Amino acid sequence: MAVTALSKPSGSEPEVRTAAGVLRGTREAGLAVFRGVTFAEPPVGALRFAAPRPARGWDGVRPAVAFGPPPPQSGVLGTAQETAGDDWLTLNVWTPEPDPAAGLPVMVWVPGGAYVIGDSGLPEYDAGHLAGNGTVVVSLNYRLGVEGFAQIDGAPANRGLLDQVAALQWVRDNIRVFGGDPDQVTVSGQSAGGGSVAALLAMPRAAGLFRRAVAQSVPGTFFSPELAADIAAACAAELGLRPTVPDLAAVAPARLPAAGDAVSAEMARRRECWGRITHRPIPFAPVVDGDVLPSTPWRALAAGAARDVALLVGHTRDEHRLFSLIDGVLGQVTREQTDTALHLLAPGPDGARRYREAFPAASDEELYELVNADWLFRMPSLHLAEAQIAGGGQAHLYELTWPAPGAGGGLGACHGLDVPLVFGNLTSGRPALLIGDPPSPAAEELSARIRGAWTDFAAHGDPGWPAYDARRRLTRLFDTPSTISAYPEEASRLLWRDHTFPALPLLTR
């Protein structure tokens, strides 16, 4: 169904006619904002654990002024909240002008959160500053944890990724009426959102839905079906059930995250069968099921799956330091903890020895931080760029090296620091605590530079520095001042050069 413009209503409330019906938003700081827009039917009842279904149409004018309820999610980090309703599959749009003739570039943001938490309504994802650069910005919710990623008998794999595809299809069919160009869509995300972007690049169902991609801090965790099924069985066993649609559909959605949290809390006991993911722990991730996700992103991109999609990818320098703080080991990592991390995570049978030889002056804590950061985020992000150019595509690489001044100034360029800088929300949301209060002029300037690079990339495919190649390896280092140099983590790159980031296997039962 075609979308059409409406004459501007009297007053300040903008209206648009989407394929499903008319929406009325709000005006804020010169932007038109539409919140809580349903892009798929609530995945409950007969649709529980099913692939998303397009949203039904409606008559009259539907208000789009409040964020939709977040999907049920983990309470491990104190993020779980009461879900008012089951309309989890919603998105939000910020636009400079809801005019079909505007033809503005579009950025679609996929929130992160280890595939177990995530809410596009959080203040750190307010897109007013990004949209103020002349870009239509869309943020979305998708199913998490057991609902979105558990390998359940009778259900399609990767339902959370299928939700993201459904949102991108909604963007294709409707974004023009909001002032966006459906042929100039950039999908973007950080952490699990970055992993989702990497997966979307490899998914046939997502082909043609976006022209560019921004993947920030891509996690290297993709599961084999056998590993995912074993974890799902453990989650179901927490409830005395089997990992089947009939069994789990009888459980209220709000109860399922607790089962995942219980399995996560006991993962170290399953190290012999689940391997590396027990170290973090990571109970959910995209599943390389051979259908929804035919292969890992690195393999798919190297084979040319996304050669027509421009890629901007990178990571922070000190990716793991925030997790060390959360785990209570920052500043007190022991030799035993370092040896365990090196044994589990370093690539190859002699990886631990090679790490110590590559970083002879590093303390145990520094080695612990390095191998955790390399395994989980830094090397997967680098390898995504290398796979993209190996497959005939183009990639731009960056590293955020600016140390966070907030939280006592001891976290360095840690995981999540890029989020407030990209969105320009330096005083609102949890990640803003990393920036310091009040934000320094240097932080404001760096945020403006990063924000400009991201929106320039969305508009033209050029963030402002040369594309990455295997010879020069030119990388933008975001700092004060920012520079361009060869990729700085050369020792780590060489250690991981031959690693392929395969789907993680089930080791034993």
Protein backbone atom coordinates (compact mmCIF):
# COMPACT_ATOMS: atom_id res chain seq x y z
CA MET A 1 0.00 0.00 0.00
CA ALA A 2 1.39 3.40 -0.86
CA VAL A 3 1.98 6.04 1.78
CA THR A 4 0.81 9.58 1.22
CA ALA A 5 1.36 12.96 2.78
CA LEU A 6 -1.34 14.74 4.71
CA SER A 7 -1.92 18.44 4.78
CA LYS A 8 -0.41 19.88 7.92
CA PRO A 9 -2.96 19.94 10.73
CA SER A 10 -3.75 23.09 12.58
CA GLY A 11 -1.58 23.48 15.64
CA SER A 12 1.78 21.84 16.23
CA GLU A 13 1.00 18.12 16.05
CA PRO A 14 2.30 16.51 12.84
CA GLU A 15 0.31 13.77 11.15
CA VAL A 16 1.33 11.17 8.58
CA ARG A 17 -0.59 8.46 6.79
CA THR A 18 1.32 5.19 6.87
CA ALA A 19 0.35 2.00 5.08
CA ALA A 20 -1.60 0.91 8.18
CA GLY A 21 -3.23 4.20 9.13
CA VAL A 22 -2.77 7.79 10.28
CA LEU A 23 -0.33 8.65 13.08
CA ARG A 24 -0.16 11.84 15.09
CA GLY A 25 3.14 12.73 16.72
CA THR A 26 4.63 15.71 18.50
CA ARG A 27 7.01 18.53 17.69
CA GLU A 28 10.13 18.82 19.80
CA ALA A 29 13.06 21.17 19.25
CA GLY A 30 12.16 21.67 15.61
CA LEU A 31 11.69 17.97 14.88
CA ALA A 32 8.61 15.84 14.31
CA VAL A 33 8.70 12.83 16.64
CA PHE A 34 6.54 9.70 16.47
CA ARG A 35 6.88 7.19 19.31
CA GLY A 36 5.55 3.72 19.95
CA VAL A 37 4.63 2.94 16.34
CA THR A 38 3.61 -0.72 16.02
CA PHE A 39 5.48 -2.43 13.16
CA ALA A 40 4.34 -5.99 13.93
CA GLU A 41 1.53 -7.63 15.85
CA PRO A 42 2.20 -8.36 19.53
CA PRO A 43 4.01 -11.75 19.64
CA VAL A 44 1.71 -13.31 22.23
CA GLY A 45 -1.12 -15.81 22.23
CA ALA A 46 -1.19 -17.68 18.93
CA LEU A 47 1.81 -15.63 17.74
CA ARG A 48 4.02 -16.53 20.71
CA PHE A 49 7.49 -17.58 19.50
CA ALA A 50 6.36 -17.13 15.87
CA ALA A 51 7.94 -15.02 13.17
CA PRO A 52 6.62 -11.44 13.35
CA ARG A 53 3.36 -10.63 11.56
CA PRO A 54 2.77 -7.20 9.97
CA ALA A 55 0.71 -4.83 12.07
CA ARG A 56 -2.97 -4.60 11.25
CA GLY A 57 -4.40 -1.35 9.98
CA TRP A 58 -6.69 0.98 11.91
CA ASP A 59 -9.26 3.66 11.26
CA GLY A 60 -9.01 7.22 12.47
CA VAL A 61 -5.93 8.86 13.93
CA ARG A 62 -3.66 6.92 16.29
CA PRO A 63 -1.52 8.93 18.73
CA ALA A 64 2.20 8.20 18.54
CA VAL A 65 3.41 10.20 21.52
CA ALA A 66 4.65 7.59 24.02
CA PHE A 67 7.25 4.85 23.73
CA GLY A 68 5.93 1.32 23.47
CA PRO A 69 6.47 -1.09 26.35
CA PRO A 70 9.91 -2.71 26.44
CA PRO A 71 10.08 -6.43 25.72
CA PRO A 72 10.46 -8.71 28.77
CA GLN A 73 14.09 -8.69 29.77
CA SER A 74 16.77 -9.73 32.20
CA GLY A 75 16.92 -8.25 35.67
CA VAL A 76 20.62 -8.98 36.20
CA LEU A 77 21.72 -5.33 35.88
CA GLY A 78 18.62 -3.89 37.48
CA THR A 79 17.12 -3.13 34.08
CA ALA A 80 13.98 -5.26 34.28
CA GLN A 81 10.80 -3.23 34.57
CA GLU A 82 7.09 -3.81 34.66
CA THR A 83 5.85 -4.20 31.09
CA ALA A 84 2.59 -2.35 30.57
CA GLY A 85 1.12 -4.34 27.72
CA ASP A 86 2.45 -6.77 25.14
CA ASP A 87 2.91 -4.44 22.17
CA TRP A 88 6.68 -4.90 22.33
CA LEU A 89 7.38 -4.62 18.61
CA THR A 90 7.32 -0.87 18.17
CA LEU A 91 9.62 1.75 16.72
CA ASN A 92 10.15 5.49 17.00
CA VAL A 93 10.87 8.12 14.35
CA TRP A 94 12.61 11.49 14.63
CA THR A 95 12.49 13.58 11.46
CA PRO A 96 13.40 17.15 10.53
CA GLU A 97 10.35 17.29 8.26
CA PRO A 98 7.65 14.67 7.55
CA ASP A 99 7.46 15.55 3.87
CA PRO A 100 7.63 12.80 1.21
CA ALA A 101 9.60 15.15 -1.02
CA ALA A 102 12.40 15.65 1.53
CA GLY A 103 14.34 12.50 0.57
CA LEU A 104 16.52 12.54 3.69
CA PRO A 105 18.95 9.76 4.63
CA VAL A 106 17.64 7.32 7.23
CA MET A 107 19.43 5.78 10.20
CA VAL A 108 17.83 2.76 11.91
CA TRP A 109 19.17 2.06 15.41
CA VAL A 110 19.17 -1.42 16.97
CA PRO A 111 19.70 -1.18 20.76
CA GLY A 112 22.29 -3.37 22.45
CA GLY A 113 22.22 -5.25 25.73
CA ALA A 114 23.76 -8.73 25.35
CA TYR A 115 20.57 -9.94 23.61
CA VAL A 116 18.87 -10.00 27.04
CA ILE A 117 18.16 -6.31 27.72
CA GLY A 118 17.29 -3.45 25.41
CA ASP A 119 14.76 -0.65 25.17
CA SER A 120 14.61 1.99 22.46
CA GLY A 121 12.78 4.28 24.88
CA LEU A 122 15.82 4.80 27.11
CA PRO A 123 17.02 8.43 27.32
CA GLU A 124 20.46 7.58 25.93
CA TYR A 125 18.79 6.69 22.62
CA ASP A 126 16.89 9.96 22.21
CA ALA A 127 17.72 10.85 18.61
CA GLY A 128 17.05 14.57 18.68
CA HIS A 129 20.70 15.52 18.15
CA LEU A 130 21.27 12.95 15.39
CA ALA A 131 18.12 13.93 13.52
CA GLY A 132 19.14 17.56 13.94
CA ASN A 133 21.98 16.82 11.51
CA GLY A 134 19.42 16.40 8.73
CA THR A 135 18.75 12.68 9.12
CA VAL A 136 15.59 10.69 9.78
CA VAL A 137 16.35 8.40 12.74
CA VAL A 138 14.38 5.27 13.60
CA SER A 139 14.90 3.21 16.77
CA LEU A 140 13.24 -0.12 17.42
CA ASN A 141 12.47 -2.84 19.96
CA TYR A 142 12.88 -6.57 19.33
CA ARG A 143 12.37 -9.75 21.33
CA LEU A 144 15.15 -10.65 23.75
CA GLY A 145 16.40 -13.63 25.75
CA VAL A 146 14.25 -16.75 25.58
CA GLU A 147 11.51 -14.95 23.63
CA GLY A 148 13.89 -13.77 20.92
CA PHE A 149 16.90 -16.07 20.75
CA ALA A 150 16.35 -19.41 22.51
CA GLN A 151 16.40 -22.43 20.21
CA ILE A 152 12.87 -23.71 20.80
CA ASP A 153 11.38 -26.79 19.14
CA GLY A 154 8.58 -25.72 16.81
CA ALA A 155 9.70 -22.09 16.57
CA PRO A 156 11.87 -20.30 14.00
CA ALA A 157 15.37 -19.49 15.14
CA ASN A 158 16.55 -15.92 15.71
CA ARG A 159 13.12 -14.41 16.28
CA GLY A 160 14.76 -11.24 17.58
CA LEU A 161 16.59 -10.85 14.26
CA LEU A 162 13.38 -11.53 12.35
CA ASP A 163 11.79 -8.70 14.35
CA GLN A 164 14.56 -6.41 13.16
CA VAL A 165 13.95 -7.46 9.56
CA ALA A 166 10.24 -6.71 10.03
CA ALA A 167 11.11 -3.23 11.30
CA LEU A 168 13.36 -2.65 8.29
CA GLN A 169 10.54 -3.77 6.00
CA TRP A 170 8.28 -1.27 7.74
CA VAL A 171 10.91 1.41 7.08
CA ARG A 172 11.08 0.44 3.41
CA ASP A 173 7.30 0.69 3.06
CA ASN A 174 6.63 3.77 5.17
CA ILE A 175 9.63 5.99 5.74
CA ARG A 176 9.10 8.22 2.73
CA VAL A 177 6.06 9.86 4.32
CA PHE A 178 8.29 10.79 7.29
CA GLY A 179 10.71 12.55 4.94
CA GLY A 180 13.12 9.64 4.56
CA ASP A 181 14.53 8.06 1.42
CA PRO A 182 13.91 4.28 1.50
CA ASP A 183 16.88 3.83 -0.84
CA GLN A 184 19.24 5.57 1.61
CA VAL A 185 18.79 3.47 4.77
CA THR A 186 21.67 2.81 7.18
CA VAL A 187 21.19 0.17 9.86
CA SER A 188 23.26 0.76 12.98
CA GLY A 189 23.80 -0.60 16.47
CA GLN A 190 26.24 -1.10 19.33
CA SER A 191 27.25 -4.23 21.26
CA ALA A 192 24.41 -6.74 20.74
CA GLY A 193 23.02 -4.12 18.37
CA GLY A 194 26.32 -4.25 16.49
CA GLY A 195 26.15 -8.05 16.49
CA SER A 196 22.63 -7.77 15.12
CA VAL A 197 23.86 -5.49 12.34
CA ALA A 198 26.57 -8.03 11.51
CA ALA A 199 23.92 -10.77 11.39
CA LEU A 200 21.63 -8.68 9.18
CA LEU A 201 24.50 -8.27 6.72
CA ALA A 202 24.60 -12.07 6.42
CA MET A 203 20.83 -12.71 6.28
CA PRO A 204 19.12 -13.28 2.91
CA ARG A 205 15.85 -11.99 4.42
CA ALA A 206 17.50 -8.61 5.08
CA ALA A 207 19.08 -8.23 1.64
CA GLY A 208 18.10 -4.98 -0.06
CA LEU A 209 16.57 -3.42 3.06
CA PHE A 210 19.54 -1.14 3.77
CA ARG A 211 22.36 0.42 1.79
CA ARG A 212 24.85 1.07 4.58
CA ALA A 213 25.64 -0.37 8.00
CA VAL A 214 27.29 0.92 11.19
CA ALA A 215 28.46 -1.82 13.56
CA GLN A 216 29.87 -0.62 16.89
CA SER A 217 31.67 -3.07 19.20
CA VAL A 218 30.58 -6.24 17.40
CA PRO A 219 30.53 -9.28 19.74
CA GLY A 220 32.06 -12.44 18.33
CA THR A 221 29.51 -14.74 19.94
CA PHE A 222 27.36 -16.62 17.44
CA PHE A 223 25.99 -20.02 18.51
CA SER A 224 25.69 -23.35 16.78
CA PRO A 225 22.18 -24.85 16.89
CA GLU A 226 23.41 -27.59 19.22
CA LEU A 227 24.81 -25.13 21.77
CA ALA A 228 21.71 -22.91 21.57
CA ALA A 229 19.42 -25.91 21.99
CA ASP A 230 21.29 -27.11 25.06
CA ILE A 231 21.05 -23.69 26.67
CA ALA A 232 17.34 -23.51 25.82
CA ALA A 233 16.83 -26.90 27.45
CA ALA A 234 18.54 -25.62 30.59
CA CYS A 235 16.30 -22.55 30.65
CA ALA A 236 13.17 -24.65 30.23
CA ALA A 237 14.37 -27.05 32.95
CA GLU A 238 14.46 -24.13 35.38
CA LEU A 239 10.67 -24.08 34.96
CA GLY A 240 10.28 -27.83 34.94
CA LEU A 241 9.47 -27.77 31.23
CA ARG A 242 10.79 -28.85 27.85
CA PRO A 243 12.11 -26.32 25.28
CA THR A 244 9.04 -26.58 23.06
CA VAL A 245 6.48 -24.03 21.94
CA PRO A 246 3.55 -25.73 23.75
CA ASP A 247 5.45 -25.91 27.04
CA LEU A 248 6.96 -22.43 27.04
CA ALA A 249 3.92 -20.69 25.57
CA ALA A 250 2.07 -21.60 28.77
CA VAL A 251 4.54 -19.48 30.78
CA ALA A 252 3.74 -15.79 31.19
CA PRO A 253 6.27 -13.71 29.22
CA ALA A 254 7.28 -11.78 32.32
CA ARG A 255 8.47 -15.03 33.97
CA LEU A 256 10.81 -16.22 31.24
CA PRO A 257 13.71 -13.78 31.78
CA ALA A 258 14.21 -15.13 35.31
CA ALA A 259 14.85 -18.59 33.86
CA GLY A 260 17.54 -17.16 31.61
CA ASP A 261 19.04 -15.25 34.53
CA ALA A 262 19.16 -18.44 36.61
CA VAL A 263 21.02 -20.29 33.86
CA SER A 264 23.38 -17.35 33.40
CA ALA A 265 24.21 -17.33 37.11
CA GLU A 266 25.25 -20.99 36.97
CA MET A 267 27.06 -21.02 33.64
CA ALA A 268 30.52 -21.53 35.11
CA ARG A 269 29.42 -24.99 36.22
CA ARG A 270 28.80 -25.92 32.58
CA ARG A 271 32.18 -24.82 31.24
CA GLU A 272 33.08 -28.28 29.94
CA CYS A 273 30.05 -28.37 27.65
CA TRP A 274 29.47 -24.69 26.85
CA GLY A 275 33.05 -23.45 26.76
CA ARG A 276 34.03 -19.81 26.35
CA ILE A 277 30.60 -18.26 26.81
CA THR A 278 30.60 -19.36 30.45
CA HIS A 279 33.41 -16.90 31.20
CA ARG A 280 31.39 -13.73 30.59
CA PRO A 281 28.60 -15.33 30.87
CA ILE A 282 26.59 -15.15 27.61
CA PRO A 283 23.45 -17.32 27.48
CA PHE A 284 21.94 -15.90 24.27
CA ALA A 285 23.24 -14.87 20.87
CA PRO A 286 22.28 -15.21 17.20
CA VAL A 287 22.15 -18.84 16.09
CA VAL A 288 23.77 -19.97 12.85
CA ASP A 289 20.80 -22.17 12.03
CA GLY A 290 21.41 -22.52 8.28
CA ASP A 291 18.12 -20.82 7.39
CA VAL A 292 17.42 -17.47 9.03
CA LEU A 293 21.17 -17.05 9.51
CA PRO A 294 22.95 -19.34 7.02
CA SER A 295 26.50 -18.66 8.24
CA THR A 296 28.50 -16.43 10.53
CA PRO A 297 28.84 -12.81 9.42
CA TRP A 298 32.59 -13.18 8.89
CA ARG A 299 32.17 -16.13 6.56
CA ALA A 300 29.23 -14.55 4.74
CA LEU A 301 30.94 -11.20 4.20
CA ALA A 302 34.15 -12.82 3.00
CA ALA A 303 32.04 -14.65 0.41
CA GLY A 304 30.62 -11.32 -0.80
CA ALA A 305 27.19 -11.39 0.88
CA ALA A 306 27.31 -7.65 1.64
CA ARG A 307 29.67 -6.33 -1.03
CA ASP A 308 27.01 -3.80 -2.10
CA VAL A 309 26.58 -2.45 1.45
CA ALA A 310 29.03 0.16 2.73
CA LEU A 311 30.25 -0.72 6.24
CA LEU A 312 31.46 1.49 9.09
CA VAL A 313 32.76 -0.66 11.94
CA GLY A 314 34.93 -0.26 15.01
CA HIS A 315 35.36 -0.62 18.74
CA THR A 316 36.60 1.15 21.84
CA ARG A 317 40.16 0.65 23.05
CA ASP A 318 39.35 -0.61 26.56
CA GLU A 319 36.27 -2.68 25.76
CA HIS A 320 36.34 -4.89 28.84
CA ARG A 321 37.17 -2.48 31.64
CA LEU A 322 33.54 -1.63 32.36
CA PHE A 323 32.76 -5.34 32.77
CA SER A 324 35.67 -5.71 35.17
CA LEU A 325 34.11 -2.93 37.24
CA ILE A 326 30.70 -4.64 37.14
CA ASP A 327 32.30 -7.97 38.08
CA GLY A 328 34.15 -6.39 41.02
CA VAL A 329 37.64 -7.29 39.78
CA LEU A 330 38.82 -3.92 38.43
CA GLY A 331 42.22 -3.20 39.94
CA GLN A 332 42.47 -6.60 41.65
CA VAL A 333 42.74 -9.24 38.93
CA THR A 334 44.83 -12.20 40.10
CA ARG A 335 47.36 -14.27 38.20
CA GLU A 336 44.97 -17.21 38.40
CA GLN A 337 42.13 -15.22 36.86
CA THR A 338 44.41 -14.08 34.06
CA ASP A 339 45.63 -17.61 33.37
CA THR A 340 42.03 -18.84 33.22
CA ALA A 341 41.01 -16.09 30.80
CA LEU A 342 44.05 -16.68 28.58
CA HIS A 343 43.46 -20.43 28.56
CA LEU A 344 39.79 -20.07 27.67
CA LEU A 345 39.84 -17.15 25.25
CA ALA A 346 43.22 -16.81 23.52
CA PRO A 347 43.22 -18.31 20.01
CA GLY A 348 45.01 -21.56 19.27
CA PRO A 349 46.47 -24.24 21.52
CA ASP A 350 49.38 -22.01 22.59
CA GLY A 351 47.40 -18.77 22.75
CA ALA A 352 48.19 -18.07 26.40
CA ARG A 353 51.94 -18.29 25.79
CA ARG A 354 51.69 -16.17 22.66
CA TYR A 355 49.79 -13.44 24.53
CA ARG A 356 52.45 -13.24 27.22
CA GLU A 357 55.19 -13.11 24.60
CA ALA A 358 53.37 -10.46 22.54
CA PHE A 359 52.88 -8.21 25.58
CA PRO A 360 56.01 -8.86 27.70
CA ALA A 361 55.63 -5.70 29.79
CA ALA A 362 51.92 -6.19 30.51
CA SER A 363 50.72 -6.89 34.02
CA ASP A 364 48.32 -9.74 34.72
CA GLU A 365 45.46 -7.28 34.87
CA GLU A 366 46.43 -5.72 31.54
CA LEU A 367 46.61 -9.16 29.93
CA TYR A 368 43.23 -10.04 31.42
CA GLU A 369 41.69 -6.89 29.96
CA LEU A 370 43.36 -7.41 26.58
CA VAL A 371 42.31 -10.99 25.97
CA ASN A 372 38.75 -10.37 27.13
CA ALA A 373 38.43 -7.26 24.96
CA ASP A 374 40.03 -8.95 21.96
CA TRP A 375 37.89 -12.07 22.12
CA LEU A 376 34.56 -10.41 22.77
CA PHE A 377 34.63 -7.15 20.77
CA ARG A 378 37.89 -5.84 19.33
CA MET A 379 38.94 -8.66 17.03
CA PRO A 380 35.39 -9.54 15.88
CA SER A 381 34.96 -5.90 14.83
CA LEU A 382 38.32 -5.81 13.05
CA HIS A 383 37.64 -9.14 11.33
CA LEU A 384 34.27 -7.88 10.12
CA ALA A 385 36.05 -5.06 8.26
CA GLU A 386 38.60 -7.49 6.87
CA ALA A 387 35.91 -9.95 5.78
CA GLN A 388 34.01 -7.16 4.06
CA ILE A 389 36.96 -6.06 1.95
CA ALA A 390 37.92 -9.69 1.25
CA GLY A 391 34.43 -10.14 -0.22
CA GLY A 392 34.80 -7.15 -2.53
CA GLY A 393 33.03 -4.57 -0.38
CA GLN A 394 34.11 -1.36 1.33
CA ALA A 395 34.69 -0.78 5.03
CA HIS A 396 35.75 2.16 7.18
CA LEU A 397 37.36 1.28 10.51
CA TYR A 398 37.55 3.32 13.71
CA GLU A 399 38.70 2.97 17.31
CA LEU A 400 37.52 5.18 20.17
CA THR A 401 40.59 5.94 22.29
CA TRP A 402 39.33 8.96 24.27
CA PRO A 403 39.34 8.00 27.97
CA ALA A 404 36.07 8.44 29.82
CA PRO A 405 36.46 11.19 32.44
CA GLY A 406 33.39 10.11 34.43
CA ALA A 407 33.10 7.35 37.05
CA GLY A 408 36.39 8.43 38.61
CA GLY A 409 38.26 8.50 35.31
CA GLY A 410 39.54 4.92 35.62
CA LEU A 411 37.53 3.19 32.88
CA GLY A 412 39.48 4.42 29.88
CA ALA A 413 37.79 4.16 26.48
CA CYS A 414 35.39 1.54 27.79
CA HIS A 415 32.49 -0.38 26.31
CA GLY A 416 29.42 1.81 25.86
CA LEU A 417 31.30 5.13 25.85
CA ASP A 418 30.49 5.54 22.17
CA VAL A 419 26.72 5.56 22.76
CA PRO A 420 26.39 9.02 24.38
CA LEU A 421 28.98 10.39 21.96
CA VAL A 422 27.09 9.13 18.90
CA PHE A 423 23.70 10.34 20.13
CA GLY A 424 24.99 13.53 21.72
CA ASN A 425 23.18 12.74 24.97
CA LEU A 426 25.99 13.69 27.32
CA THR A 427 23.85 14.43 30.37
CA SER A 428 20.97 11.92 30.18
CA GLY A 429 20.85 8.13 30.46
CA ARG A 430 23.19 5.74 32.27
CA PRO A 431 26.03 5.89 29.70
CA ALA A 432 26.25 9.66 30.25
CA LEU A 433 27.79 8.88 33.66
CA LEU A 434 30.94 8.03 31.70
CA ILE A 435 31.16 11.55 30.26
CA GLY A 436 31.43 13.52 33.50
CA ASP A 437 29.26 16.28 34.91
CA PRO A 438 29.25 18.79 33.41
CA PRO A 439 30.48 17.56 30.00
CA SER A 440 33.75 19.20 29.04
CA PRO A 441 34.13 21.25 25.85
CA ALA A 442 36.36 18.42 24.60
CA ALA A 443 33.54 15.92 25.10
CA GLU A 444 31.06 18.18 23.32
CA GLU A 445 33.46 18.64 20.40
CA LEU A 446 34.25 14.93 20.13
CA SER A 447 30.56 14.04 20.22
CA ALA A 448 29.83 16.53 17.44
CA ARG A 449 32.65 15.08 15.35
CA ILE A 450 31.48 11.48 15.79
CA ARG A 451 27.86 12.41 15.22
CA GLY A 452 28.83 14.23 12.05
CA ALA A 453 30.86 11.26 10.81
CA TRP A 454 27.93 8.89 11.35
CA THR A 455 25.38 11.13 9.61
CA ASP A 456 27.80 11.90 6.75
CA PHE A 457 28.25 8.17 6.29
CA ALA A 458 24.48 7.69 6.25
CA ALA A 459 24.11 10.43 3.65
CA HIS A 460 27.08 9.73 1.38
CA GLY A 461 28.87 6.54 2.47
CA ASP A 462 31.93 8.54 3.50
CA PRO A 463 32.53 9.24 7.21
CA GLY A 464 35.50 11.47 6.50
CA TRP A 465 38.54 9.21 6.42
CA PRO A 466 39.93 6.67 3.92
CA ALA A 467 38.45 3.21 3.58
CA TYR A 468 40.27 0.35 5.29
CA ASP A 469 42.52 -1.85 3.21
CA ALA A 470 44.77 -4.80 3.99
CA ARG A 471 47.97 -2.89 3.22
CA ARG A 472 47.70 0.46 5.00
CA ARG A 473 44.96 -0.49 7.51
CA LEU A 474 44.03 3.16 7.98
CA THR A 475 41.82 3.72 10.99
CA ARG A 476 40.17 6.78 12.51
CA LEU A 477 41.21 7.14 16.14
CA PHE A 478 38.55 9.21 17.90
CA ASP A 479 40.22 11.26 20.61
CA THR A 480 41.04 14.86 21.41
CA PRO A 481 42.46 15.46 18.89
CA SER A 482 41.34 12.70 16.54
CA THR A 483 43.86 11.24 14.12
CA ILE A 484 44.17 8.74 11.29
CA SER A 485 46.80 6.02 11.55
CA ALA A 486 47.44 2.36 10.86
CA TYR A 487 45.27 0.14 13.04
CA PRO A 488 46.92 0.54 16.45
CA GLU A 489 46.23 -2.90 17.98
CA GLU A 490 48.80 -4.63 15.79
CA ALA A 491 49.98 -7.17 18.36
CA SER A 492 46.42 -8.34 18.93
CA ARG A 493 45.72 -8.37 15.20
CA LEU A 494 48.63 -10.71 14.61
CA LEU A 495 47.61 -13.01 17.46
CA TRP A 496 44.11 -13.37 16.02
CA ARG A 497 45.04 -13.25 12.34
CA ASP A 498 44.15 -16.88 11.61
CA HIS A 499 41.07 -17.11 13.85
CA THR A 500 37.77 -17.44 11.97
CA PHE A 501 35.16 -16.74 14.70
CA PRO A 502 33.13 -19.86 13.90
CA ALA A 503 29.75 -20.62 15.41
CA LEU A 504 30.45 -21.68 18.98
CA PRO A 505 29.92 -25.42 19.42
CA LEU A 506 28.43 -27.59 22.12
CA LEU A 507 31.52 -29.33 23.46
CA THR A 508 29.94 -32.22 25.41
CA ARG A 509 26.57 -33.07 26.87
